[in-house]
């Protein structure tokens, strides 16, 4: 799966995802740090990448309707500590095939996963 990590996701997350076979790029690595959300999502969608972020604003289905992008995963870990984010990503990738989230908005809180699919 092609994934783009938002600037608020710890860099170490990319290594974890690459080790399990995902093609990972980062907003920071592509020089998009500080750009607005629509620009970041447009870049991810143009590359057919699933955007992984901690930014709750990306979970707004009115602003980012399912099916209008490559997919968004909003992580809601207990804290934004690196260990907590990595734990959330690990749990998600262990229990779910990320391919099923193409075009969806996915909110991940611990082991709970809410998926908004295109209609």
N, C-alpha and C. Protein backbone atom coordinates (compact mmCIF):
# COMPACT_ATOMS: atom_id res chain seq x y z
N UNK A 1 0.85 -1.18 0.00
CA UNK A 1 0.00 0.00 0.00
C UNK A 1 0.89 1.23 0.00
N UNK A 2 0.48 2.23 -0.74
CA UNK A 2 1.20 3.51 -0.77
C UNK A 2 0.62 4.41 0.31
N UNK A 3 1.49 4.91 1.18
CA UNK A 3 1.07 5.70 2.34
C UNK A 3 1.87 6.99 2.39
N UNK A 4 1.20 8.07 2.80
CA UNK A 4 1.88 9.34 3.08
C UNK A 4 1.63 9.66 4.54
N UNK A 5 2.71 9.91 5.29
CA UNK A 5 2.59 10.27 6.70
C UNK A 5 2.60 11.79 6.83
N UNK A 6 1.61 12.31 7.53
CA UNK A 6 1.53 13.74 7.78
C UNK A 6 2.69 14.17 8.66
N UNK A 7 2.94 15.46 8.71
CA UNK A 7 4.09 15.97 9.47
C UNK A 7 3.99 15.74 10.97
N UNK A 8 2.79 15.44 11.48
CA UNK A 8 2.62 15.24 12.91
C UNK A 8 2.81 13.77 13.34
N UNK A 9 3.11 12.91 12.40
CA UNK A 9 3.34 11.49 12.70
C UNK A 9 4.85 11.29 12.92
N UNK A 10 5.24 10.60 13.99
CA UNK A 10 6.66 10.37 14.24
C UNK A 10 7.35 9.69 13.06
N UNK A 11 8.54 10.13 12.74
CA UNK A 11 9.31 9.60 11.61
C UNK A 11 9.51 8.10 11.74
N UNK A 12 9.68 7.60 12.95
CA UNK A 12 9.90 6.16 13.15
C UNK A 12 8.73 5.32 12.65
N UNK A 13 7.58 5.91 12.49
CA UNK A 13 6.41 5.18 11.98
C UNK A 13 6.65 4.71 10.56
N UNK A 14 7.38 5.51 9.78
CA UNK A 14 7.64 5.11 8.39
C UNK A 14 8.43 3.81 8.34
N UNK A 15 9.40 3.65 9.22
CA UNK A 15 10.20 2.42 9.23
C UNK A 15 9.33 1.22 9.58
N UNK A 16 8.46 1.37 10.56
CA UNK A 16 7.57 0.28 10.97
C UNK A 16 6.69 -0.15 9.79
N UNK A 17 6.13 0.82 9.08
CA UNK A 17 5.26 0.51 7.94
C UNK A 17 6.03 -0.08 6.77
N UNK A 18 7.24 0.40 6.53
CA UNK A 18 8.05 -0.14 5.43
C UNK A 18 8.47 -1.58 5.71
N UNK A 19 8.73 -1.89 6.97
CA UNK A 19 9.14 -3.25 7.34
C UNK A 19 8.05 -4.27 7.05
N UNK A 20 6.80 -3.85 7.02
CA UNK A 20 5.72 -4.79 6.72
C UNK A 20 5.25 -4.66 5.26
N UNK A 21 6.07 -3.97 4.45
CA UNK A 21 5.85 -3.99 3.02
C UNK A 21 5.16 -2.78 2.39
N UNK A 22 4.93 -1.74 3.15
CA UNK A 22 4.25 -0.57 2.58
C UNK A 22 5.26 0.40 1.97
N UNK A 23 4.81 1.12 0.95
CA UNK A 23 5.59 2.17 0.28
C UNK A 23 5.24 3.47 1.00
N UNK A 24 6.18 4.02 1.75
CA UNK A 24 5.88 5.16 2.64
C UNK A 24 6.67 6.40 2.23
N UNK A 25 5.96 7.51 2.12
CA UNK A 25 6.54 8.84 1.92
C UNK A 25 6.06 9.70 3.08
N UNK A 26 6.78 10.79 3.34
CA UNK A 26 6.35 11.69 4.41
C UNK A 26 6.15 13.10 3.86
N UNK A 27 5.26 13.82 4.50
CA UNK A 27 5.00 15.22 4.15
C UNK A 27 6.30 16.02 4.31
N UNK A 28 7.03 15.76 5.38
CA UNK A 28 8.28 16.48 5.63
C UNK A 28 9.30 16.17 4.54
N UNK A 29 9.45 14.90 4.20
CA UNK A 29 10.41 14.49 3.19
C UNK A 29 10.12 15.05 1.81
N UNK A 30 8.87 15.38 1.57
CA UNK A 30 8.49 15.93 0.26
C UNK A 30 8.41 17.45 0.27
N UNK A 31 8.83 18.07 1.38
CA UNK A 31 8.83 19.53 1.43
C UNK A 31 7.46 20.16 1.58
N UNK A 32 6.50 19.41 2.11
CA UNK A 32 5.14 19.93 2.27
C UNK A 32 4.83 20.36 3.70
N UNK A 33 5.82 20.31 4.58
CA UNK A 33 5.59 20.72 5.98
C UNK A 33 5.10 22.16 6.00
N UNK A 34 4.07 22.41 6.79
CA UNK A 34 3.53 23.75 6.93
C UNK A 34 2.47 24.10 5.90
N UNK A 35 2.28 23.25 4.90
CA UNK A 35 1.23 23.51 3.91
C UNK A 35 -0.14 23.22 4.52
N UNK A 36 -1.18 23.80 3.94
CA UNK A 36 -2.52 23.60 4.47
C UNK A 36 -3.02 22.18 4.16
N UNK A 37 -4.05 21.77 4.89
CA UNK A 37 -4.57 20.41 4.77
C UNK A 37 -4.99 20.04 3.35
N UNK A 38 -5.74 20.90 2.64
CA UNK A 38 -6.13 20.53 1.27
C UNK A 38 -4.92 20.27 0.35
N UNK A 39 -3.85 21.02 0.53
CA UNK A 39 -2.65 20.82 -0.28
C UNK A 39 -2.00 19.48 0.03
N UNK A 40 -1.91 19.15 1.31
CA UNK A 40 -1.32 17.87 1.73
C UNK A 40 -2.15 16.71 1.20
N UNK A 41 -3.47 16.81 1.33
CA UNK A 41 -4.34 15.73 0.86
C UNK A 41 -4.29 15.62 -0.66
N UNK A 42 -4.22 16.73 -1.36
CA UNK A 42 -4.13 16.70 -2.82
C UNK A 42 -2.85 15.99 -3.27
N UNK A 43 -1.75 16.25 -2.57
CA UNK A 43 -0.48 15.59 -2.90
C UNK A 43 -0.58 14.09 -2.67
N UNK A 44 -1.17 13.69 -1.54
CA UNK A 44 -1.35 12.27 -1.25
C UNK A 44 -2.25 11.61 -2.29
N UNK A 45 -3.33 12.26 -2.63
CA UNK A 45 -4.29 11.70 -3.59
C UNK A 45 -3.68 11.60 -4.99
N UNK A 46 -2.90 12.60 -5.38
CA UNK A 46 -2.26 12.58 -6.70
C UNK A 46 -1.34 11.37 -6.84
N UNK A 47 -0.77 10.93 -5.73
CA UNK A 47 0.12 9.77 -5.73
C UNK A 47 -0.61 8.49 -5.35
N UNK A 48 -1.94 8.59 -5.19
CA UNK A 48 -2.77 7.46 -4.78
C UNK A 48 -2.29 6.86 -3.47
N UNK A 49 -1.98 7.75 -2.52
CA UNK A 49 -1.50 7.33 -1.20
C UNK A 49 -2.58 7.53 -0.14
N UNK A 50 -2.58 6.65 0.82
CA UNK A 50 -3.40 6.76 2.01
C UNK A 50 -2.71 7.73 2.95
N UNK A 51 -3.40 8.79 3.36
CA UNK A 51 -2.80 9.77 4.28
C UNK A 51 -3.04 9.32 5.71
N UNK A 52 -1.97 9.24 6.49
CA UNK A 52 -2.06 8.89 7.91
C UNK A 52 -1.68 10.14 8.71
N UNK A 53 -2.55 10.52 9.65
CA UNK A 53 -2.37 11.79 10.35
C UNK A 53 -2.90 11.72 11.78
N UNK A 54 -2.50 12.69 12.57
CA UNK A 54 -3.08 12.89 13.91
C UNK A 54 -4.06 14.07 13.89
N UNK A 55 -4.17 14.73 12.76
CA UNK A 55 -4.99 15.93 12.61
C UNK A 55 -6.47 15.57 12.51
N UNK A 56 -7.22 15.86 13.54
CA UNK A 56 -8.65 15.51 13.60
C UNK A 56 -9.47 16.18 12.50
N UNK A 57 -9.00 17.30 12.00
CA UNK A 57 -9.72 18.01 10.94
C UNK A 57 -9.90 17.17 9.69
N UNK A 58 -8.98 16.24 9.44
CA UNK A 58 -9.11 15.37 8.28
C UNK A 58 -10.25 14.37 8.42
N UNK A 59 -10.81 14.24 9.61
CA UNK A 59 -11.93 13.33 9.82
C UNK A 59 -13.27 13.94 9.47
N UNK A 60 -13.30 15.17 9.00
CA UNK A 60 -14.55 15.88 8.66
C UNK A 60 -15.05 15.41 7.29
N UNK A 61 -16.11 14.61 7.29
CA UNK A 61 -16.63 14.06 6.04
C UNK A 61 -17.23 15.13 5.13
N UNK A 62 -17.60 16.27 5.70
CA UNK A 62 -18.13 17.36 4.86
C UNK A 62 -17.00 18.02 4.08
N UNK A 63 -15.85 18.17 4.69
CA UNK A 63 -14.71 18.79 4.02
C UNK A 63 -13.97 17.80 3.11
N UNK A 64 -13.95 16.54 3.51
CA UNK A 64 -13.20 15.51 2.78
C UNK A 64 -14.09 14.28 2.57
N UNK A 65 -15.11 14.38 1.72
CA UNK A 65 -16.05 13.27 1.56
C UNK A 65 -15.35 11.98 1.11
N UNK A 66 -15.73 10.86 1.71
CA UNK A 66 -15.16 9.58 1.28
C UNK A 66 -15.36 9.42 -0.23
N UNK A 67 -14.32 8.93 -0.88
CA UNK A 67 -14.36 8.75 -2.32
C UNK A 67 -13.75 9.91 -3.09
N UNK A 68 -13.51 11.05 -2.42
CA UNK A 68 -12.94 12.22 -3.10
C UNK A 68 -11.42 12.30 -2.95
N UNK A 69 -10.82 11.27 -2.36
CA UNK A 69 -9.38 11.23 -2.08
C UNK A 69 -8.93 9.79 -2.02
N UNK A 70 -7.64 9.59 -1.83
CA UNK A 70 -7.09 8.23 -1.78
C UNK A 70 -7.33 7.49 -0.49
N UNK A 71 -7.83 8.19 0.52
CA UNK A 71 -8.09 7.60 1.83
C UNK A 71 -7.35 8.36 2.92
N UNK A 72 -7.99 8.44 4.07
CA UNK A 72 -7.43 9.16 5.22
C UNK A 72 -7.57 8.29 6.45
N UNK A 73 -6.50 8.15 7.20
CA UNK A 73 -6.55 7.47 8.50
C UNK A 73 -6.16 8.50 9.55
N UNK A 74 -7.11 8.79 10.45
CA UNK A 74 -6.87 9.71 11.55
C UNK A 74 -6.62 8.88 12.80
N UNK A 75 -5.41 8.98 13.32
CA UNK A 75 -5.05 8.24 14.54
C UNK A 75 -5.43 9.07 15.75
N UNK A 76 -6.05 8.42 16.73
CA UNK A 76 -6.42 9.08 17.98
C UNK A 76 -5.84 8.28 19.15
N UNK A 77 -4.51 8.25 19.27
CA UNK A 77 -3.88 7.49 20.36
C UNK A 77 -4.16 8.14 21.72
N UNK A 78 -3.88 7.40 22.78
CA UNK A 78 -4.07 7.93 24.14
C UNK A 78 -3.26 9.19 24.37
N UNK A 79 -2.08 9.25 23.77
CA UNK A 79 -1.25 10.45 23.83
C UNK A 79 -0.50 10.55 22.51
N UNK A 80 0.16 11.66 22.28
CA UNK A 80 0.91 11.81 21.04
C UNK A 80 2.38 11.42 21.22
N UNK A 81 2.67 10.73 22.32
CA UNK A 81 4.02 10.19 22.52
C UNK A 81 4.31 9.19 21.41
N UNK A 82 5.56 9.11 21.01
CA UNK A 82 5.96 8.21 19.93
C UNK A 82 5.49 6.79 20.20
N UNK A 83 5.68 6.31 21.41
CA UNK A 83 5.28 4.93 21.74
C UNK A 83 3.80 4.70 21.58
N UNK A 84 3.00 5.68 21.92
CA UNK A 84 1.54 5.56 21.80
C UNK A 84 1.11 5.54 20.34
N UNK A 85 1.72 6.40 19.54
CA UNK A 85 1.40 6.43 18.10
C UNK A 85 1.81 5.13 17.45
N UNK A 86 3.01 4.65 17.76
CA UNK A 86 3.48 3.39 17.18
C UNK A 86 2.60 2.22 17.60
N UNK A 87 2.16 2.22 18.83
CA UNK A 87 1.26 1.16 19.31
C UNK A 87 -0.05 1.17 18.53
N UNK A 88 -0.59 2.36 18.29
CA UNK A 88 -1.85 2.48 17.54
C UNK A 88 -1.66 1.99 16.11
N UNK A 89 -0.57 2.38 15.47
CA UNK A 89 -0.29 1.94 14.10
C UNK A 89 -0.09 0.43 14.05
N UNK A 90 0.63 -0.10 15.01
CA UNK A 90 0.88 -1.53 15.07
C UNK A 90 -0.43 -2.31 15.21
N UNK A 91 -1.29 -1.85 16.10
CA UNK A 91 -2.58 -2.51 16.29
C UNK A 91 -3.41 -2.45 15.01
N UNK A 92 -3.42 -1.31 14.37
CA UNK A 92 -4.19 -1.15 13.14
C UNK A 92 -3.69 -2.08 12.05
N UNK A 93 -2.39 -2.14 11.84
CA UNK A 93 -1.85 -2.95 10.75
C UNK A 93 -1.89 -4.45 11.06
N UNK A 94 -1.93 -4.79 12.34
CA UNK A 94 -2.04 -6.20 12.72
C UNK A 94 -3.45 -6.74 12.46
N UNK A 95 -4.45 -5.91 12.68
CA UNK A 95 -5.84 -6.36 12.61
C UNK A 95 -6.58 -5.97 11.33
N UNK A 96 -5.97 -5.12 10.51
CA UNK A 96 -6.66 -4.64 9.31
C UNK A 96 -5.71 -4.58 8.12
N UNK A 97 -6.26 -4.89 6.95
CA UNK A 97 -5.55 -4.71 5.69
C UNK A 97 -5.79 -3.27 5.26
N UNK A 98 -4.76 -2.46 5.20
CA UNK A 98 -4.92 -1.05 4.87
C UNK A 98 -5.51 -0.82 3.49
N UNK A 99 -5.39 -1.78 2.59
CA UNK A 99 -5.97 -1.66 1.25
C UNK A 99 -7.48 -1.41 1.31
N UNK A 100 -8.14 -1.96 2.32
CA UNK A 100 -9.59 -1.82 2.42
C UNK A 100 -10.01 -0.38 2.75
N UNK A 101 -9.05 0.48 3.07
CA UNK A 101 -9.36 1.86 3.45
C UNK A 101 -9.21 2.85 2.30
N UNK A 102 -8.98 2.37 1.08
CA UNK A 102 -8.87 3.27 -0.07
C UNK A 102 -10.15 4.09 -0.20
N UNK A 103 -9.99 5.40 -0.30
CA UNK A 103 -11.13 6.29 -0.49
C UNK A 103 -11.96 6.53 0.75
N UNK A 104 -11.60 5.92 1.87
CA UNK A 104 -12.39 6.02 3.10
C UNK A 104 -11.79 7.05 4.05
N UNK A 105 -12.58 7.44 5.03
CA UNK A 105 -12.07 8.16 6.19
C UNK A 105 -12.14 7.18 7.34
N UNK A 106 -11.01 6.97 8.00
CA UNK A 106 -10.90 5.98 9.06
C UNK A 106 -10.42 6.69 10.32
N UNK A 107 -11.16 6.50 11.41
CA UNK A 107 -10.77 7.05 12.70
C UNK A 107 -10.36 5.88 13.58
N UNK A 108 -9.14 5.95 14.11
CA UNK A 108 -8.60 4.85 14.91
C UNK A 108 -8.35 5.34 16.32
N UNK A 109 -9.04 4.75 17.26
CA UNK A 109 -8.86 5.06 18.68
C UNK A 109 -8.64 3.74 19.40
N UNK A 110 -7.37 3.49 19.75
CA UNK A 110 -7.04 2.22 20.38
C UNK A 110 -7.34 1.08 19.42
N UNK A 111 -8.15 0.12 19.88
CA UNK A 111 -8.54 -1.01 19.03
C UNK A 111 -9.83 -0.73 18.28
N UNK A 112 -10.44 0.42 18.52
CA UNK A 112 -11.68 0.77 17.84
C UNK A 112 -11.38 1.47 16.53
N UNK A 113 -12.00 1.00 15.47
CA UNK A 113 -11.79 1.56 14.15
C UNK A 113 -13.14 1.89 13.54
N UNK A 114 -13.34 3.16 13.20
CA UNK A 114 -14.59 3.58 12.54
C UNK A 114 -14.25 3.95 11.11
N UNK A 115 -14.99 3.35 10.18
CA UNK A 115 -14.71 3.56 8.76
C UNK A 115 -15.91 4.20 8.09
N UNK A 116 -15.65 5.31 7.39
CA UNK A 116 -16.66 5.95 6.55
C UNK A 116 -16.27 5.66 5.12
N UNK A 117 -17.09 4.87 4.45
CA UNK A 117 -16.80 4.44 3.09
C UNK A 117 -17.52 5.35 2.08
N UNK A 118 -17.00 5.38 0.85
CA UNK A 118 -17.71 6.14 -0.19
C UNK A 118 -19.11 5.56 -0.39
N UNK A 119 -20.07 6.42 -0.65
CA UNK A 119 -21.45 5.90 -0.84
C UNK A 119 -21.70 5.46 -2.25
